[in-house]
Amino acid sequence: MSRRMPRPEDVSRDHIDTTVIGFLKGWNDEDWTEVSLLTLHPQEEIRLVLRENGGRYRTLNESRFLEIVRRLKAQGVAVHVG
């Protein structure tokens, strides 16, 4: 059986999504989330995932979503959240 390995960008996007979801649900604090995202992922990839999933993130916890967007923006990851 030959199993294809996932592409690195897919693994990275899944990790970004899981990290943001964990923050929105209160499992992780904002400092840990910010450091985890910024040290492990390119800024453009973070922007892309937040832009693509912004609506879903807002429905989970809009105030926490806006907080992480604000913190990332202060680090140079400007995301248009609509």
N, C-alpha and C. Protein backbone atom coordinates (compact mmCIF):
# COMPACT_ATOMS: atom_id res chain seq x y z
N MET A 1 0.83 -1.17 0.00
CA MET A 1 0.00 0.00 0.00
C MET A 1 0.88 1.24 0.00
N SER A 2 0.61 2.08 -0.92
CA SER A 2 1.38 3.30 -1.02
C SER A 2 0.50 4.47 -0.59
N ARG A 3 0.90 5.09 0.48
CA ARG A 3 0.15 6.25 0.98
C ARG A 3 0.92 7.51 0.64
N ARG A 4 0.20 8.45 0.10
CA ARG A 4 0.81 9.71 -0.28
C ARG A 4 0.95 10.58 0.96
N MET A 5 2.11 11.18 1.12
CA MET A 5 2.34 12.09 2.24
C MET A 5 1.59 13.40 1.98
N PRO A 6 1.06 14.01 3.03
CA PRO A 6 0.38 15.30 2.84
C PRO A 6 1.39 16.38 2.44
N ARG A 7 0.92 17.35 1.70
CA ARG A 7 1.79 18.45 1.30
C ARG A 7 2.08 19.32 2.52
N PRO A 8 3.29 19.86 2.61
CA PRO A 8 3.65 20.69 3.77
C PRO A 8 2.70 21.87 3.98
N GLU A 9 2.25 22.50 2.90
CA GLU A 9 1.36 23.65 3.06
C GLU A 9 0.00 23.24 3.63
N ASP A 10 -0.45 22.01 3.32
CA ASP A 10 -1.71 21.53 3.89
C ASP A 10 -1.56 21.27 5.38
N VAL A 11 -0.44 20.69 5.76
CA VAL A 11 -0.18 20.44 7.18
C VAL A 11 -0.10 21.77 7.92
N SER A 12 0.57 22.74 7.33
CA SER A 12 0.71 24.05 7.95
C SER A 12 -0.65 24.72 8.11
N ARG A 13 -1.48 24.69 7.08
CA ARG A 13 -2.80 25.30 7.16
C ARG A 13 -3.67 24.62 8.20
N ASP A 14 -3.58 23.31 8.28
CA ASP A 14 -4.34 22.58 9.31
C ASP A 14 -3.88 22.99 10.71
N HIS A 15 -2.57 23.16 10.88
CA HIS A 15 -2.05 23.57 12.18
C HIS A 15 -2.50 24.98 12.54
N ILE A 16 -2.47 25.89 11.58
CA ILE A 16 -2.94 27.26 11.82
C ILE A 16 -4.40 27.21 12.24
N ASP A 17 -5.23 26.48 11.50
CA ASP A 17 -6.65 26.38 11.80
C ASP A 17 -6.86 25.80 13.20
N THR A 18 -6.18 24.73 13.54
CA THR A 18 -6.31 24.09 14.85
C THR A 18 -5.87 25.04 15.96
N THR A 19 -4.81 25.79 15.72
CA THR A 19 -4.31 26.73 16.72
C THR A 19 -5.32 27.85 16.96
N VAL A 20 -5.88 28.40 15.89
CA VAL A 20 -6.86 29.47 16.03
C VAL A 20 -8.13 28.95 16.71
N ILE A 21 -8.60 27.78 16.32
CA ILE A 21 -9.79 27.19 16.94
C ILE A 21 -9.55 26.98 18.43
N GLY A 22 -8.38 26.49 18.80
CA GLY A 22 -8.05 26.30 20.21
C GLY A 22 -8.12 27.60 20.99
N PHE A 23 -7.66 28.67 20.38
CA PHE A 23 -7.73 29.98 21.03
C PHE A 23 -9.17 30.44 21.15
N LEU A 24 -9.94 30.30 20.07
CA LEU A 24 -11.33 30.76 20.08
C LEU A 24 -12.18 30.02 21.11
N LYS A 25 -11.85 28.76 21.34
CA LYS A 25 -12.60 27.97 22.31
C LYS A 25 -12.05 28.10 23.73
N GLY A 26 -10.99 28.90 23.89
CA GLY A 26 -10.45 29.15 25.21
C GLY A 26 -9.47 28.10 25.71
N TRP A 27 -9.02 27.20 24.84
CA TRP A 27 -8.07 26.16 25.24
C TRP A 27 -6.66 26.71 25.37
N ASN A 28 -6.35 27.76 24.61
CA ASN A 28 -5.01 28.36 24.62
C ASN A 28 -5.14 29.85 24.86
N ASP A 29 -4.15 30.43 25.52
CA ASP A 29 -4.21 31.87 25.73
C ASP A 29 -3.65 32.61 24.51
N GLU A 30 -3.83 33.93 24.50
CA GLU A 30 -3.45 34.70 23.32
C GLU A 30 -1.93 34.74 23.13
N ASP A 31 -1.16 34.76 24.21
CA ASP A 31 0.31 34.78 24.05
C ASP A 31 0.80 33.50 23.39
N TRP A 32 0.34 32.36 23.88
CA TRP A 32 0.76 31.08 23.31
C TRP A 32 0.35 30.99 21.85
N THR A 33 -0.88 31.40 21.55
CA THR A 33 -1.40 31.33 20.18
C THR A 33 -0.58 32.21 19.25
N GLU A 34 -0.31 33.43 19.66
CA GLU A 34 0.47 34.36 18.84
C GLU A 34 1.87 33.80 18.57
N VAL A 35 2.55 33.34 19.59
CA VAL A 35 3.90 32.81 19.43
C VAL A 35 3.89 31.56 18.55
N SER A 36 2.93 30.69 18.78
CA SER A 36 2.84 29.46 17.99
C SER A 36 2.65 29.76 16.50
N LEU A 37 1.75 30.68 16.21
CA LEU A 37 1.50 31.01 14.80
C LEU A 37 2.71 31.68 14.16
N LEU A 38 3.28 32.66 14.84
CA LEU A 38 4.35 33.46 14.23
C LEU A 38 5.68 32.74 14.13
N THR A 39 5.94 31.78 15.00
CA THR A 39 7.22 31.08 14.93
C THR A 39 7.18 29.87 14.00
N LEU A 40 6.00 29.36 13.71
CA LEU A 40 5.91 28.14 12.92
C LEU A 40 5.42 28.33 11.48
N HIS A 41 4.88 29.51 11.16
CA HIS A 41 4.24 29.67 9.86
C HIS A 41 4.61 30.98 9.19
N PRO A 42 4.70 30.95 7.86
CA PRO A 42 4.91 32.21 7.13
C PRO A 42 3.71 33.13 7.29
N GLN A 43 3.97 34.42 7.36
CA GLN A 43 2.89 35.38 7.56
C GLN A 43 1.82 35.30 6.48
N GLU A 44 2.22 35.10 5.24
CA GLU A 44 1.23 35.04 4.15
C GLU A 44 0.29 33.84 4.33
N GLU A 45 0.82 32.75 4.83
CA GLU A 45 -0.02 31.57 5.05
C GLU A 45 -1.02 31.82 6.18
N ILE A 46 -0.59 32.53 7.23
CA ILE A 46 -1.50 32.89 8.32
C ILE A 46 -2.61 33.78 7.78
N ARG A 47 -2.23 34.78 6.98
CA ARG A 47 -3.23 35.68 6.37
C ARG A 47 -4.26 34.89 5.57
N LEU A 48 -3.77 33.98 4.75
CA LEU A 48 -4.64 33.20 3.87
C LEU A 48 -5.66 32.39 4.68
N VAL A 49 -5.19 31.69 5.70
CA VAL A 49 -6.09 30.86 6.51
C VAL A 49 -7.11 31.72 7.25
N LEU A 50 -6.66 32.83 7.83
CA LEU A 50 -7.60 33.69 8.55
C LEU A 50 -8.62 34.30 7.61
N ARG A 51 -8.19 34.66 6.43
CA ARG A 51 -9.12 35.23 5.44
C ARG A 51 -10.13 34.18 4.98
N GLU A 52 -9.65 32.99 4.68
CA GLU A 52 -10.54 31.92 4.19
C GLU A 52 -11.55 31.45 5.24
N ASN A 53 -11.15 31.45 6.49
CA ASN A 53 -11.98 30.89 7.55
C ASN A 53 -12.56 31.94 8.49
N GLY A 54 -12.41 33.21 8.17
CA GLY A 54 -12.85 34.29 9.04
C GLY A 54 -14.30 34.19 9.46
N GLY A 55 -15.18 33.86 8.54
CA GLY A 55 -16.60 33.73 8.87
C GLY A 55 -16.86 32.65 9.90
N ARG A 56 -16.22 31.52 9.73
CA ARG A 56 -16.37 30.41 10.69
C ARG A 56 -15.79 30.79 12.04
N TYR A 57 -14.65 31.45 12.03
CA TYR A 57 -14.02 31.87 13.29
C TYR A 57 -14.90 32.87 14.03
N ARG A 58 -15.51 33.79 13.29
CA ARG A 58 -16.38 34.78 13.93
C ARG A 58 -17.57 34.12 14.62
N THR A 59 -18.11 33.07 14.02
CA THR A 59 -19.27 32.41 14.63
C THR A 59 -18.88 31.67 15.91
N LEU A 60 -17.63 31.25 16.01
CA LEU A 60 -17.20 30.56 17.22
C LEU A 60 -17.01 31.52 18.38
N ASN A 61 -16.32 32.64 18.12
CA ASN A 61 -16.09 33.62 19.18
C ASN A 61 -15.53 34.88 18.54
N GLU A 62 -16.43 35.79 18.17
CA GLU A 62 -16.01 36.98 17.43
C GLU A 62 -15.04 37.85 18.21
N SER A 63 -15.26 38.06 19.49
CA SER A 63 -14.37 38.95 20.24
C SER A 63 -12.96 38.37 20.35
N ARG A 64 -12.85 37.07 20.56
CA ARG A 64 -11.51 36.45 20.62
C ARG A 64 -10.87 36.44 19.23
N PHE A 65 -11.67 36.25 18.19
CA PHE A 65 -11.11 36.29 16.83
C PHE A 65 -10.54 37.68 16.54
N LEU A 66 -11.29 38.71 16.87
CA LEU A 66 -10.80 40.08 16.63
C LEU A 66 -9.56 40.38 17.48
N GLU A 67 -9.48 39.79 18.66
CA GLU A 67 -8.30 39.98 19.52
C GLU A 67 -7.06 39.36 18.87
N ILE A 68 -7.18 38.14 18.36
CA ILE A 68 -5.99 37.53 17.75
C ILE A 68 -5.62 38.26 16.46
N VAL A 69 -6.61 38.74 15.72
CA VAL A 69 -6.31 39.52 14.51
C VAL A 69 -5.58 40.80 14.90
N ARG A 70 -6.00 41.45 15.96
CA ARG A 70 -5.35 42.68 16.43
C ARG A 70 -3.91 42.40 16.85
N ARG A 71 -3.70 41.32 17.57
CA ARG A 71 -2.35 40.98 18.03
C ARG A 71 -1.44 40.62 16.86
N LEU A 72 -1.97 39.89 15.89
CA LEU A 72 -1.16 39.54 14.73
C LEU A 72 -0.84 40.78 13.90
N LYS A 73 -1.79 41.68 13.79
CA LYS A 73 -1.57 42.92 13.04
C LYS A 73 -0.42 43.72 13.67
N ALA A 74 -0.36 43.74 14.99
CA ALA A 74 0.73 44.44 15.68
C ALA A 74 2.09 43.82 15.37
N GLN A 75 2.08 42.55 14.94
CA GLN A 75 3.32 41.85 14.58
C GLN A 75 3.57 41.87 13.07
N GLY A 76 2.75 42.60 12.33
CA GLY A 76 2.96 42.74 10.88
C GLY A 76 2.13 41.82 10.02
N VAL A 77 1.20 41.08 10.60
CA VAL A 77 0.33 40.17 9.84
C VAL A 77 -1.03 40.84 9.72
N ALA A 78 -1.16 41.78 8.81
CA ALA A 78 -2.42 42.49 8.63
C ALA A 78 -3.40 41.62 7.86
N VAL A 79 -4.57 41.42 8.44
CA VAL A 79 -5.60 40.58 7.84
C VAL A 79 -6.86 41.40 7.68
N HIS A 80 -7.41 41.42 6.48
CA HIS A 80 -8.70 42.08 6.27
C HIS A 80 -9.79 41.11 6.68
N VAL A 81 -10.55 41.48 7.73
CA VAL A 81 -11.57 40.57 8.26
C VAL A 81 -12.98 40.98 7.90
N GLY A 82 -13.13 41.91 7.00
CA GLY A 82 -14.44 42.28 6.49
C GLY A 82 -15.26 43.18 7.30
